[in-house]
Amino acid sequence: MEKRPAVTITYCSQCNWLLRAAWMAQELLNSFSTDLASVTLVPGTGGIYEIKVDDELIWERKRDGGFPDAAPLKQRVRDICFPDRDLGHVDKKKIPETGTDSAE
């Protein structure tokens, strides 16, 4: 059996970021369900907000300029763990010049 990826979200409890972290965990579990081994919330301090897939850091609040929206986070997880998976509406891309969906 292939090893399933584990996601860890470390959030600053001093900054009250638990709900934000829980929301991201819910979004990931909703999209990837049992394909993930786990989504773990880890309380931290000092303004930390990091998301890892196994040991690979895929989002860091300071490095990446804030908090992720659900869609780009799902895309990063997909790109690392399930590169052939289609995320449906999450994968619709905007054409910068026109602002229209590329699917039109």
Protein backbone atom coordinates (compact mmCIF):
# COMPACT_ATOMS: atom_id res chain seq x y z
CA MET A 1 0.00 0.00 0.00
CA GLU A 2 1.28 3.45 -0.94
CA LYS A 3 2.02 5.84 1.91
CA ARG A 4 -0.56 8.62 2.12
CA PRO A 5 0.66 12.18 2.72
CA ALA A 6 0.20 13.88 6.09
CA VAL A 7 -0.49 17.61 6.33
CA THR A 8 0.53 19.64 9.37
CA ILE A 9 -0.73 23.15 10.02
CA THR A 10 1.20 24.98 12.73
CA TYR A 11 -0.55 28.14 13.87
CA CYS A 12 0.08 30.84 16.47
CA SER A 13 -2.24 30.33 19.42
CA GLN A 14 -1.27 33.75 20.82
CA CYS A 15 -2.58 35.35 17.61
CA ASN A 16 -5.86 33.39 17.79
CA TRP A 17 -5.30 31.72 14.41
CA LEU A 18 -6.90 28.40 15.42
CA LEU A 19 -10.12 29.04 13.47
CA ARG A 20 -8.14 29.97 10.35
CA ALA A 21 -6.06 26.79 10.68
CA ALA A 22 -9.16 24.68 11.31
CA TRP A 23 -10.85 26.15 8.24
CA MET A 24 -7.85 25.24 6.04
CA ALA A 25 -7.84 21.73 7.54
CA GLN A 26 -11.54 21.39 6.72
CA GLU A 27 -10.99 22.57 3.15
CA LEU A 28 -8.16 20.06 2.62
CA LEU A 29 -10.12 17.20 4.15
CA ASN A 30 -13.15 18.07 2.06
CA SER A 31 -11.11 18.03 -1.17
CA PHE A 32 -8.73 15.13 -0.49
CA SER A 33 -10.64 13.10 2.13
CA THR A 34 -9.15 9.65 2.75
CA ASP A 35 -6.33 10.23 0.26
CA LEU A 36 -4.57 12.06 3.11
CA ALA A 37 -3.21 10.15 6.09
CA SER A 38 -4.02 13.07 8.38
CA VAL A 39 -4.38 16.80 8.77
CA THR A 40 -2.90 17.83 12.09
CA LEU A 41 -3.22 21.18 13.86
CA VAL A 42 -0.20 22.14 15.97
CA PRO A 43 -0.38 25.17 18.28
CA GLY A 44 2.66 27.44 18.29
CA THR A 45 3.68 30.95 19.26
CA GLY A 46 5.46 33.97 17.84
CA GLY A 47 3.27 34.56 14.80
CA ILE A 48 3.91 31.16 13.21
CA TYR A 49 1.64 29.91 10.44
CA GLU A 50 3.14 27.06 8.44
CA ILE A 51 1.67 24.29 6.36
CA LYS A 52 3.70 21.19 5.58
CA VAL A 53 3.05 18.10 3.52
CA ASP A 54 5.06 15.44 5.28
CA ASP A 55 8.32 17.36 5.84
CA GLU A 56 7.99 19.76 2.89
CA LEU A 57 7.06 23.34 3.77
CA ILE A 58 4.42 24.43 1.26
CA TRP A 59 3.22 27.64 2.94
CA GLU A 60 4.85 29.99 5.43
CA ARG A 61 3.03 33.18 6.38
CA LYS A 62 6.05 35.49 6.37
CA ARG A 63 7.73 33.96 3.32
CA ASP A 64 4.55 33.75 1.24
CA GLY A 65 3.08 37.14 2.17
CA GLY A 66 0.20 36.27 4.47
CA PHE A 67 -2.34 33.51 4.70
CA PRO A 68 -3.31 31.21 1.85
CA ASP A 69 -6.74 31.18 0.29
CA ALA A 70 -8.24 27.71 0.04
CA ALA A 71 -7.84 27.36 -3.75
CA PRO A 72 -4.07 28.01 -4.00
CA LEU A 73 -3.45 25.83 -0.95
CA LYS A 74 -5.39 22.95 -2.48
CA GLN A 75 -3.43 23.41 -5.71
CA ARG A 76 -0.11 23.23 -3.85
CA VAL A 77 -1.16 20.07 -2.02
CA ARG A 78 -2.44 18.55 -5.25
CA ASP A 79 0.72 19.47 -7.18
CA ILE A 80 2.89 17.71 -4.59
CA CYS A 81 0.70 14.73 -3.71
CA PHE A 82 -1.71 14.08 -6.58
CA PRO A 83 -0.36 15.85 -9.69
CA ASP A 84 -2.77 14.12 -12.09
CA ARG A 85 -5.89 15.11 -10.12
CA ASP A 86 -8.32 17.69 -11.47
CA LEU A 87 -9.65 20.03 -8.80
CA GLY A 88 -12.61 21.12 -10.89
CA HIS A 89 -13.62 24.75 -10.39
CA VAL A 90 -10.51 25.38 -8.27
CA ASP A 91 -8.40 24.83 -11.39
CA LYS A 92 -10.18 27.43 -13.53
CA LYS A 93 -7.61 30.04 -14.46
CA LYS A 94 -8.19 33.66 -15.29
CA ILE A 95 -6.70 35.14 -18.45
CA PRO A 96 -4.92 38.30 -17.17
CA GLU A 97 -5.60 40.47 -20.22
CA THR A 98 -9.36 39.90 -20.33
CA GLY A 99 -10.25 38.67 -16.87
CA THR A 100 -12.39 35.91 -18.37
CA ASP A 101 -12.25 32.23 -17.60
CA SER A 102 -9.95 30.32 -19.92
CA ALA A 103 -12.66 27.67 -20.27
CA GLU A 104 -14.93 30.08 -22.18
